[in-house]
């Protein structure tokens, strides 16, 4: 199992567009065979801050996700253009 947490802040005024793009990504990604969990989250303290919590069966599943045509359309060419900053971190189970 591989977990990816992506934290990002969108430029002011882009919150609703970010939510729309995130929901579209959720719809597509949750249907991927190797995706166990894919959740978009918005901060309760700062509406410009968001997070994707992603869980994949393995690296191959994550690679397939990133190779999907909708990844480029909605994330690379959509959501990332709204971002002011972004960080990502990978995790694996401790057990």
PDB file of N, CA and C in Angstrom:
ATOM      1  N   UNK A   1       0.849  -1.187   0.000  1.00  0.00           N
ATOM      2  CA  UNK A   1       0.000   0.000   0.000  1.00  0.00           C
ATOM      3  C   UNK A   1       0.883   1.235   0.000  1.00  0.00           C
ATOM      4  N   UNK A   2       0.432   2.235  -0.755  1.00  0.00           N
ATOM      5  CA  UNK A   2       1.143   3.499  -0.866  1.00  0.00           C
ATOM      6  C   UNK A   2       0.142   4.627  -0.655  1.00  0.00           C
ATOM      7  N   UNK A   3       0.457   5.526   0.258  1.00  0.00           N
ATOM      8  CA  UNK A   3      -0.400   6.679   0.542  1.00  0.00           C
ATOM      9  C   UNK A   3       0.324   7.942   0.099  1.00  0.00           C
ATOM     10  N   UNK A   4      -0.414   8.800  -0.556  1.00  0.00           N
ATOM     11  CA  UNK A   4       0.116  10.091  -0.993  1.00  0.00           C
ATOM     12  C   UNK A   4      -0.798  11.170  -0.431  1.00  0.00           C
ATOM     13  N   UNK A   5      -0.187  12.159   0.210  1.00  0.00           N
ATOM     14  CA  UNK A   5      -0.934  13.318   0.706  1.00  0.00           C
ATOM     15  C   UNK A   5      -0.386  14.545  -0.004  1.00  0.00           C
ATOM     16  N   UNK A   6      -1.275  15.220  -0.712  1.00  0.00           N
ATOM     17  CA  UNK A   6      -0.900  16.424  -1.446  1.00  0.00           C
ATOM     18  C   UNK A   6      -1.626  17.598  -0.815  1.00  0.00           C
ATOM     19  N   UNK A   7      -0.868  18.533  -0.271  1.00  0.00           N
ATOM     20  CA  UNK A   7      -1.423  19.751   0.317  1.00  0.00           C
ATOM     21  C   UNK A   7      -1.182  20.903  -0.650  1.00  0.00           C
ATOM     22  N   UNK A   8      -2.183  21.746  -0.826  1.00  0.00           N
ATOM     23  CA  UNK A   8      -1.985  22.879  -1.722  1.00  0.00           C
ATOM     24  C   UNK A   8      -2.889  24.040  -1.332  1.00  0.00           C
ATOM     25  N   UNK A   9      -2.456  25.209  -1.742  1.00  0.00           N
ATOM     26  CA  UNK A   9      -3.207  26.439  -1.545  1.00  0.00           C
ATOM     27  C   UNK A   9      -3.499  27.013  -2.915  1.00  0.00           C
ATOM     28  N   UNK A  10      -4.744  27.405  -3.136  1.00  0.00           N
ATOM     29  CA  UNK A  10      -5.100  28.014  -4.414  1.00  0.00           C
ATOM     30  C   UNK A  10      -5.057  29.534  -4.289  1.00  0.00           C
ATOM     31  N   UNK A  11      -4.875  30.161  -5.430  1.00  0.00           N
ATOM     32  CA  UNK A  11      -4.878  31.622  -5.471  1.00  0.00           C
ATOM     33  C   UNK A  11      -6.276  32.119  -5.086  1.00  0.00           C
ATOM     34  N   UNK A  12      -6.317  33.252  -4.428  1.00  0.00           N
ATOM     35  CA  UNK A  12      -7.586  33.827  -3.971  1.00  0.00           C
ATOM     36  C   UNK A  12      -8.583  33.940  -5.112  1.00  0.00           C
ATOM     37  N   UNK A  13      -9.814  33.564  -4.818  1.00  0.00           N
ATOM     38  CA  UNK A  13     -10.886  33.644  -5.784  1.00  0.00           C
ATOM     39  C   UNK A  13     -11.077  32.384  -6.616  1.00  0.00           C
ATOM     40  N   UNK A  14     -10.220  31.387  -6.407  1.00  0.00           N
ATOM     41  CA  UNK A  14     -10.282  30.145  -7.179  1.00  0.00           C
ATOM     42  C   UNK A  14     -10.806  28.963  -6.379  1.00  0.00           C
ATOM     43  N   UNK A  15     -11.340  29.217  -5.207  1.00  0.00           N
ATOM     44  CA  UNK A  15     -11.782  28.130  -4.336  1.00  0.00           C
ATOM     45  C   UNK A  15     -12.870  27.260  -4.979  1.00  0.00           C
ATOM     46  N   UNK A  16     -13.888  27.876  -5.551  1.00  0.00           N
ATOM     47  CA  UNK A  16     -14.993  27.099  -6.113  1.00  0.00           C
ATOM     48  C   UNK A  16     -14.557  26.307  -7.334  1.00  0.00           C
ATOM     49  N   UNK A  17     -13.728  26.885  -8.176  1.00  0.00           N
ATOM     50  CA  UNK A  17     -13.215  26.167  -9.350  1.00  0.00           C
ATOM     51  C   UNK A  17     -12.368  24.988  -8.899  1.00  0.00           C
ATOM     52  N   UNK A  18     -11.570  25.164  -7.843  1.00  0.00           N
ATOM     53  CA  UNK A  18     -10.757  24.063  -7.310  1.00  0.00           C
ATOM     54  C   UNK A  18     -11.653  22.928  -6.831  1.00  0.00           C
ATOM     55  N   UNK A  19     -12.721  23.252  -6.149  1.00  0.00           N
ATOM     56  CA  UNK A  19     -13.654  22.236  -5.651  1.00  0.00           C
ATOM     57  C   UNK A  19     -14.262  21.459  -6.820  1.00  0.00           C
ATOM     58  N   UNK A  20     -14.659  22.163  -7.863  1.00  0.00           N
ATOM     59  CA  UNK A  20     -15.238  21.500  -9.034  1.00  0.00           C
ATOM     60  C   UNK A  20     -14.245  20.531  -9.674  1.00  0.00           C
ATOM     61  N   UNK A  21     -13.008  20.972  -9.843  1.00  0.00           N
ATOM     62  CA  UNK A  21     -11.978  20.114 -10.445  1.00  0.00           C
ATOM     63  C   UNK A  21     -11.654  18.924  -9.543  1.00  0.00           C
ATOM     64  N   UNK A  22     -11.627  19.147  -8.246  1.00  0.00           N
ATOM     65  CA  UNK A  22     -11.348  18.060  -7.310  1.00  0.00           C
ATOM     66  C   UNK A  22     -12.451  17.008  -7.355  1.00  0.00           C
ATOM     67  N   UNK A  23     -13.690  17.439  -7.425  1.00  0.00           N
ATOM     68  CA  UNK A  23     -14.806  16.491  -7.504  1.00  0.00           C
ATOM     69  C   UNK A  23     -14.734  15.668  -8.789  1.00  0.00           C
ATOM     70  N   UNK A  24     -14.350  16.297  -9.871  1.00  0.00           N
ATOM     71  CA  UNK A  24     -14.194  15.573 -11.133  1.00  0.00           C
ATOM     72  C   UNK A  24     -13.076  14.543 -11.017  1.00  0.00           C
ATOM     73  N   UNK A  25     -11.969  14.925 -10.397  1.00  0.00           N
ATOM     74  CA  UNK A  25     -10.863  13.983 -10.202  1.00  0.00           C
ATOM     75  C   UNK A  25     -11.300  12.820  -9.314  1.00  0.00           C
ATOM     76  N   UNK A  26     -12.068  13.100  -8.291  1.00  0.00           N
ATOM     77  CA  UNK A  26     -12.576  12.028  -7.425  1.00  0.00           C
ATOM     78  C   UNK A  26     -13.414  11.031  -8.224  1.00  0.00           C
ATOM     79  N   UNK A  27     -14.307  11.537  -9.040  1.00  0.00           N
ATOM     80  CA  UNK A  27     -15.176  10.662  -9.839  1.00  0.00           C
ATOM     81  C   UNK A  27     -14.365   9.700 -10.702  1.00  0.00           C
ATOM     82  N   UNK A  28     -13.384  10.225 -11.387  1.00  0.00           N
ATOM     83  CA  UNK A  28     -12.562   9.400 -12.277  1.00  0.00           C
ATOM     84  C   UNK A  28     -11.636   8.462 -11.503  1.00  0.00           C
ATOM     85  N   UNK A  29     -10.928   9.002 -10.549  1.00  0.00           N
ATOM     86  CA  UNK A  29      -9.884   8.246  -9.859  1.00  0.00           C
ATOM     87  C   UNK A  29     -10.446   7.103  -9.032  1.00  0.00           C
ATOM     88  N   UNK A  30     -11.581   7.298  -8.416  1.00  0.00           N
ATOM     89  CA  UNK A  30     -12.160   6.242  -7.579  1.00  0.00           C
ATOM     90  C   UNK A  30     -12.541   4.992  -8.381  1.00  0.00           C
ATOM     91  N   UNK A  31     -12.632   5.124  -9.691  1.00  0.00           N
ATOM     92  CA  UNK A  31     -12.934   3.975 -10.548  1.00  0.00           C
ATOM     93  C   UNK A  31     -11.683   3.217 -10.991  1.00  0.00           C
ATOM     94  N   UNK A  32     -10.511   3.747 -10.710  1.00  0.00           N
ATOM     95  CA  UNK A  32      -9.269   3.084 -11.123  1.00  0.00           C
ATOM     96  C   UNK A  32      -9.086   1.784 -10.344  1.00  0.00           C
ATOM     97  N   UNK A  33      -8.659   0.708 -11.012  1.00  0.00           N
ATOM     98  CA  UNK A  33      -8.523  -0.595 -10.358  1.00  0.00           C
ATOM     99  C   UNK A  33      -7.595  -0.590  -9.127  1.00  0.00           C
ATOM    100  N   UNK A  34      -6.494   0.137  -9.166  1.00  0.00           N
ATOM    101  CA  UNK A  34      -5.544   0.107  -8.054  1.00  0.00           C
ATOM    102  C   UNK A  34      -5.754   1.176  -7.003  1.00  0.00           C
ATOM    103  N   UNK A  35      -6.812   1.971  -7.151  1.00  0.00           N
ATOM    104  CA  UNK A  35      -7.095   3.033  -6.186  1.00  0.00           C
ATOM    105  C   UNK A  35      -7.939   2.472  -5.047  1.00  0.00           C
ATOM    106  N   UNK A  36      -7.434   2.597  -3.841  1.00  0.00           N
ATOM    107  CA  UNK A  36      -8.188   2.151  -2.665  1.00  0.00           C
ATOM    108  C   UNK A  36      -9.008   3.289  -2.059  1.00  0.00           C
ATOM    109  N   UNK A  37      -8.472   4.507  -2.125  1.00  0.00           N
ATOM    110  CA  UNK A  37      -9.124   5.655  -1.504  1.00  0.00           C
ATOM    111  C   UNK A  37      -8.611   6.920  -2.170  1.00  0.00           C
ATOM    112  N   UNK A  38      -9.499   7.856  -2.419  1.00  0.00           N
ATOM    113  CA  UNK A  38      -9.122   9.128  -3.038  1.00  0.00           C
ATOM    114  C   UNK A  38     -10.112  10.170  -2.549  1.00  0.00           C
ATOM    115  N   UNK A  39      -9.641  11.061  -1.695  1.00  0.00           N
ATOM    116  CA  UNK A  39     -10.518  12.047  -1.069  1.00  0.00           C
ATOM    117  C   UNK A  39      -9.914  13.436  -1.209  1.00  0.00           C
ATOM    118  N   UNK A  40     -10.713  14.370  -1.669  1.00  0.00           N
ATOM    119  CA  UNK A  40     -10.321  15.768  -1.684  1.00  0.00           C
ATOM    120  C   UNK A  40     -10.890  16.453  -0.449  1.00  0.00           C
ATOM    121  N   UNK A  41     -10.067  17.242   0.208  1.00  0.00           N
ATOM    122  CA  UNK A  41     -10.469  17.900   1.452  1.00  0.00           C
ATOM    123  C   UNK A  41     -10.187  19.397   1.386  1.00  0.00           C
ATOM    124  N   UNK A  42     -11.028  20.184   2.062  1.00  0.00           N
ATOM    125  CA  UNK A  42     -10.825  21.625   2.178  1.00  0.00           C
ATOM    126  C   UNK A  42     -10.658  21.983   3.644  1.00  0.00           C
ATOM    127  N   UNK A  43      -9.720  22.851   3.931  1.00  0.00           N
ATOM    128  CA  UNK A  43      -9.447  23.277   5.297  1.00  0.00           C
ATOM    129  C   UNK A  43     -10.647  23.997   5.903  1.00  0.00           C
ATOM    130  N   UNK A  44     -10.897  23.730   7.165  1.00  0.00           N
ATOM    131  CA  UNK A  44     -11.952  24.449   7.884  1.00  0.00           C
ATOM    132  C   UNK A  44     -11.447  25.788   8.406  1.00  0.00           C
ATOM    133  N   UNK A  45     -10.128  25.985   8.384  1.00  0.00           N
ATOM    134  CA  UNK A  45      -9.540  27.216   8.905  1.00  0.00           C
ATOM    135  C   UNK A  45      -9.189  28.221   7.811  1.00  0.00           C
ATOM    136  N   UNK A  46      -8.878  27.725   6.612  1.00  0.00           N
ATOM    137  CA  UNK A  46      -8.513  28.588   5.493  1.00  0.00           C
ATOM    138  C   UNK A  46      -9.115  27.997   4.228  1.00  0.00           C
ATOM    139  N   UNK A  47     -10.153  28.605   3.682  1.00  0.00           N
ATOM    140  CA  UNK A  47     -10.844  28.029   2.528  1.00  0.00           C
ATOM    141  C   UNK A  47      -9.998  27.937   1.263  1.00  0.00           C
ATOM    142  N   UNK A  48      -8.824  28.525   1.263  1.00  0.00           N
ATOM    143  CA  UNK A  48      -7.927  28.432   0.114  1.00  0.00           C
ATOM    144  C   UNK A  48      -7.017  27.213   0.191  1.00  0.00           C
ATOM    145  N   UNK A  49      -7.007  26.537   1.343  1.00  0.00           N
ATOM    146  CA  UNK A  49      -6.126  25.368   1.530  1.00  0.00           C
ATOM    147  C   UNK A  49      -6.907  24.077   1.311  1.00  0.00           C
ATOM    148  N   UNK A  50      -6.289  23.177   0.544  1.00  0.00           N
ATOM    149  CA  UNK A  50      -6.909  21.905   0.193  1.00  0.00           C
ATOM    150  C   UNK A  50      -5.917  20.770   0.363  1.00  0.00           C
ATOM    151  N   UNK A  51      -6.437  19.565   0.261  1.00  0.00           N
ATOM    152  CA  UNK A  51      -5.612  18.375   0.400  1.00  0.00           C
ATOM    153  C   UNK A  51      -6.252  17.242  -0.401  1.00  0.00           C
ATOM    154  N   UNK A  52      -5.427  16.432  -1.035  1.00  0.00           N
ATOM    155  CA  UNK A  52      -5.856  15.151  -1.567  1.00  0.00           C
ATOM    156  C   UNK A  52      -5.246  14.073  -0.696  1.00  0.00           C
ATOM    157  N   UNK A  53      -6.057  13.163  -0.208  1.00  0.00           N
ATOM    158  CA  UNK A  53      -5.584  11.979   0.515  1.00  0.00           C
ATOM    159  C   UNK A  53      -5.823  10.806  -0.424  1.00  0.00           C
ATOM    160  N   UNK A  54      -4.724  10.166  -0.847  1.00  0.00           N
ATOM    161  CA  UNK A  54      -4.794   9.127  -1.865  1.00  0.00           C
ATOM    162  C   UNK A  54      -4.163   7.835  -1.354  1.00  0.00           C
ATOM    163  N   UNK A  55      -4.808   6.725  -1.623  1.00  0.00           N
ATOM    164  CA  UNK A  55      -4.267   5.421  -1.231  1.00  0.00           C
ATOM    165  C   UNK A  55      -4.343   4.488  -2.442  1.00  0.00           C
ATOM    166  N   UNK A  56      -3.190   3.912  -2.777  1.00  0.00           N
ATOM    167  CA  UNK A  56      -3.085   3.016  -3.925  1.00  0.00           C
ATOM    168  C   UNK A  56      -2.535   1.670  -3.482  1.00  0.00           C
ATOM    169  N   UNK A  57      -2.852   0.647  -4.247  1.00  0.00           N
ATOM    170  CA  UNK A  57      -2.354  -0.691  -3.925  1.00  0.00           C
ATOM    171  C   UNK A  57      -0.841  -0.764  -4.014  1.00  0.00           C
ATOM    172  N   UNK A  58      -0.254  -0.049  -4.977  1.00  0.00           N
ATOM    173  CA  UNK A  58       1.198  -0.092  -5.176  1.00  0.00           C
ATOM    174  C   UNK A  58       1.623   1.064  -6.077  1.00  0.00           C
ATOM    175  N   UNK A  59       2.913   1.119  -6.354  1.00  0.00           N
ATOM    176  CA  UNK A  59       3.457   2.189  -7.201  1.00  0.00           C
ATOM    177  C   UNK A  59       2.889   2.117  -8.617  1.00  0.00           C
ATOM    178  N   UNK A  60       2.691   0.914  -9.121  1.00  0.00           N
ATOM    179  CA  UNK A  60       2.135   0.757 -10.468  1.00  0.00           C
ATOM    180  C   UNK A  60       0.747   1.389 -10.569  1.00  0.00           C
ATOM    181  N   UNK A  61      -0.056   1.263  -9.536  1.00  0.00           N
ATOM    182  CA  UNK A  61      -1.394   1.872  -9.533  1.00  0.00           C
ATOM    183  C   UNK A  61      -1.299   3.395  -9.543  1.00  0.00           C
ATOM    184  N   UNK A  62      -0.357   3.945  -8.791  1.00  0.00           N
ATOM    185  CA  UNK A  62      -0.154   5.397  -8.796  1.00  0.00           C
ATOM    186  C   UNK A  62       0.341   5.852 -10.162  1.00  0.00           C
ATOM    187  N   UNK A  63       1.259   5.101 -10.748  1.00  0.00           N
ATOM    188  CA  UNK A  63       1.764   5.442 -12.080  1.00  0.00           C
ATOM    189  C   UNK A  63       0.633   5.437 -13.111  1.00  0.00           C
ATOM    190  N   UNK A  64      -0.255   4.447 -13.027  1.00  0.00           N
ATOM    191  CA  UNK A  64      -1.398   4.372 -13.937  1.00  0.00           C
ATOM    192  C   UNK A  64      -2.321   5.579 -13.742  1.00  0.00           C
ATOM    193  N   UNK A  65      -2.512   5.983 -12.496  1.00  0.00           N
ATOM    194  CA  UNK A  65      -3.325   7.162 -12.193  1.00  0.00           C
ATOM    195  C   UNK A  65      -2.734   8.400 -12.867  1.00  0.00           C
ATOM    196  N   UNK A  66      -1.451   8.575 -12.723  1.00  0.00           N
ATOM    197  CA  UNK A  66      -0.789   9.753 -13.295  1.00  0.00           C
ATOM    198  C   UNK A  66      -0.744   9.721 -14.821  1.00  0.00           C
ATOM    199  N   UNK A  67      -0.865   8.548 -15.409  1.00  0.00           N
ATOM    200  CA  UNK A  67      -0.849   8.400 -16.866  1.00  0.00           C
ATOM    201  C   UNK A  67      -2.241   8.536 -17.488  1.00  0.00           C
ATOM    202  N   UNK A  68      -3.269   8.563 -16.661  1.00  0.00           N
ATOM    203  CA  UNK A  68      -4.641   8.664 -17.171  1.00  0.00           C
ATOM    204  C   UNK A  68      -4.844  10.008 -17.863  1.00  0.00           C
ATOM    205  N   UNK A  69      -5.588  10.040 -18.973  1.00  0.00           N
ATOM    206  CA  UNK A  69      -5.790  11.298 -19.701  1.00  0.00           C
ATOM    207  C   UNK A  69      -6.469  12.379 -18.865  1.00  0.00           C
ATOM    208  N   UNK A  70      -7.362  12.011 -17.993  1.00  0.00           N
ATOM    209  CA  UNK A  70      -8.035  13.012 -17.159  1.00  0.00           C
ATOM    210  C   UNK A  70      -7.104  13.622 -16.129  1.00  0.00           C
ATOM    211  N   UNK A  71      -6.028  12.925 -15.753  1.00  0.00           N
ATOM    212  CA  UNK A  71      -5.041  13.505 -14.830  1.00  0.00           C
ATOM    213  C   UNK A  71      -4.435  14.760 -15.453  1.00  0.00           C
ATOM    214  N   UNK A  72      -4.026  14.658 -16.711  1.00  0.00           N
ATOM    215  CA  UNK A  72      -3.459  15.818 -17.397  1.00  0.00           C
ATOM    216  C   UNK A  72      -4.509  16.906 -17.589  1.00  0.00           C
ATOM    217  N   UNK A  73      -5.696  16.494 -17.989  1.00  0.00           N
ATOM    218  CA  UNK A  73      -6.751  17.479 -18.285  1.00  0.00           C
ATOM    219  C   UNK A  73      -7.193  18.263 -17.050  1.00  0.00           C
ATOM    220  N   UNK A  74      -7.532  17.553 -15.975  1.00  0.00           N
ATOM    221  CA  UNK A  74      -8.117  18.218 -14.807  1.00  0.00           C
ATOM    222  C   UNK A  74      -7.116  18.617 -13.733  1.00  0.00           C
ATOM    223  N   UNK A  75      -6.001  17.916 -13.663  1.00  0.00           N
ATOM    224  CA  UNK A  75      -5.033  18.248 -12.622  1.00  0.00           C
ATOM    225  C   UNK A  75      -3.897  19.109 -13.162  1.00  0.00           C
ATOM    226  N   UNK A  76      -3.124  18.581 -14.109  1.00  0.00           N
ATOM    227  CA  UNK A  76      -1.972  19.326 -14.633  1.00  0.00           C
ATOM    228  C   UNK A  76      -2.411  20.623 -15.315  1.00  0.00           C
ATOM    229  N   UNK A  77      -3.373  20.520 -16.214  1.00  0.00           N
ATOM    230  CA  UNK A  77      -3.801  21.688 -16.994  1.00  0.00           C
ATOM    231  C   UNK A  77      -4.972  22.438 -16.365  1.00  0.00           C
ATOM    232  N   UNK A  78      -5.446  21.967 -15.242  1.00  0.00           N
ATOM    233  CA  UNK A  78      -6.573  22.618 -14.579  1.00  0.00           C
ATOM    234  C   UNK A  78      -6.210  23.086 -13.183  1.00  0.00           C
ATOM    235  N   UNK A  79      -6.257  22.164 -12.246  1.00  0.00           N
ATOM    236  CA  UNK A  79      -6.075  22.504 -10.835  1.00  0.00           C
ATOM    237  C   UNK A  79      -4.711  23.120 -10.530  1.00  0.00           C
ATOM    238  N   UNK A  80      -3.659  22.567 -11.114  1.00  0.00           N
ATOM    239  CA  UNK A  80      -2.323  23.114 -10.808  1.00  0.00           C
ATOM    240  C   UNK A  80      -2.172  24.563 -11.228  1.00  0.00           C
ATOM    241  N   UNK A  81      -2.875  24.967 -12.237  1.00  0.00           N
ATOM    242  CA  UNK A  81      -2.789  26.362 -12.680  1.00  0.00           C
ATOM    243  C   UNK A  81      -3.455  27.319 -11.693  1.00  0.00           C
ATOM    244  N   UNK A  82      -4.287  26.771 -10.816  1.00  0.00           N
ATOM    245  CA  UNK A  82      -4.943  27.589  -9.789  1.00  0.00           C
ATOM    246  C   UNK A  82      -4.123  27.672  -8.507  1.00  0.00           C
ATOM    247  N   UNK A  83      -3.102  26.834  -8.406  1.00  0.00           N
ATOM    248  CA  UNK A  83      -2.347  26.708  -7.153  1.00  0.00           C
ATOM    249  C   UNK A  83      -1.327  27.819  -6.954  1.00  0.00           C
ATOM    250  N   UNK A  84      -1.228  28.211  -5.706  1.00  0.00           N
ATOM    251  CA  UNK A  84      -0.220  29.160  -5.263  1.00  0.00           C
ATOM    252  C   UNK A  84       0.996  28.397  -4.731  1.00  0.00           C
ATOM    253  N   UNK A  85       0.727  27.266  -4.070  1.00  0.00           N
ATOM    254  CA  UNK A  85       1.794  26.425  -3.527  1.00  0.00           C
ATOM    255  C   UNK A  85       1.288  24.987  -3.433  1.00  0.00           C
ATOM    256  N   UNK A  86       2.252  24.040  -3.399  1.00  0.00           N
ATOM    257  CA  UNK A  86       1.891  22.623  -3.335  1.00  0.00           C
ATOM    258  C   UNK A  86       3.031  21.837  -2.726  1.00  0.00           C
ATOM    259  N   UNK A  87       2.676  20.882  -1.846  1.00  0.00           N
ATOM    260  CA  UNK A  87       3.643  19.935  -1.311  1.00  0.00           C
ATOM    261  C   UNK A  87       3.021  18.546  -1.390  1.00  0.00           C
ATOM    262  N   UNK A  88       3.870  17.540  -1.489  1.00  0.00           N
ATOM    263  CA  UNK A  88       3.366  16.169  -1.469  1.00  0.00           C
ATOM    264  C   UNK A  88       4.293  15.317  -0.634  1.00  0.00           C
ATOM    265  N   UNK A  89       3.707  14.286  -0.022  1.00  0.00           N
ATOM    266  CA  UNK A  89       4.477  13.381   0.827  1.00  0.00           C
ATOM    267  C   UNK A  89       3.895  11.980   0.705  1.00  0.00           C
ATOM    268  N   UNK A  90       4.799  10.990   0.610  1.00  0.00           N
ATOM    269  CA  UNK A  90       4.404   9.593   0.493  1.00  0.00           C
ATOM    270  C   UNK A  90       4.536   8.893   1.830  1.00  0.00           C
ATOM    271  N   UNK A  91       3.636   7.931   2.070  1.00  0.00           N
ATOM    272  CA  UNK A  91       3.648   7.147   3.304  1.00  0.00           C
ATOM    273  C   UNK A  91       3.398   5.682   2.977  1.00  0.00           C
ATOM    274  N   UNK A  92       3.908   4.813   3.827  1.00  0.00           N
ATOM    275  CA  UNK A  92       3.601   3.387   3.782  1.00  0.00           C
ATOM    276  C   UNK A  92       3.248   2.938   5.188  1.00  0.00           C
ATOM    277  N   UNK A  93       2.516   1.832   5.336  1.00  0.00           N
ATOM    278  CA  UNK A  93       2.134   1.373   6.663  1.00  0.00           C
ATOM    279  C   UNK A  93       3.348   1.013   7.527  1.00  0.00           C
ATOM    280  N   UNK A  94       3.230   1.223   8.815  1.00  0.00           N
ATOM    281  CA  UNK A  94       4.327   0.903   9.731  1.00  0.00           C
ATOM    282  C   UNK A  94       4.300  -0.558  10.134  1.00  0.00           C
ATOM    283  N   UNK A  95       3.203  -1.251   9.918  1.00  0.00           N
ATOM    284  CA  UNK A  95       3.122  -2.655  10.331  1.00  0.00           C
ATOM    285  C   UNK A  95       3.573  -3.575   9.224  1.00  0.00           C
TER     286      UNK A  95
END
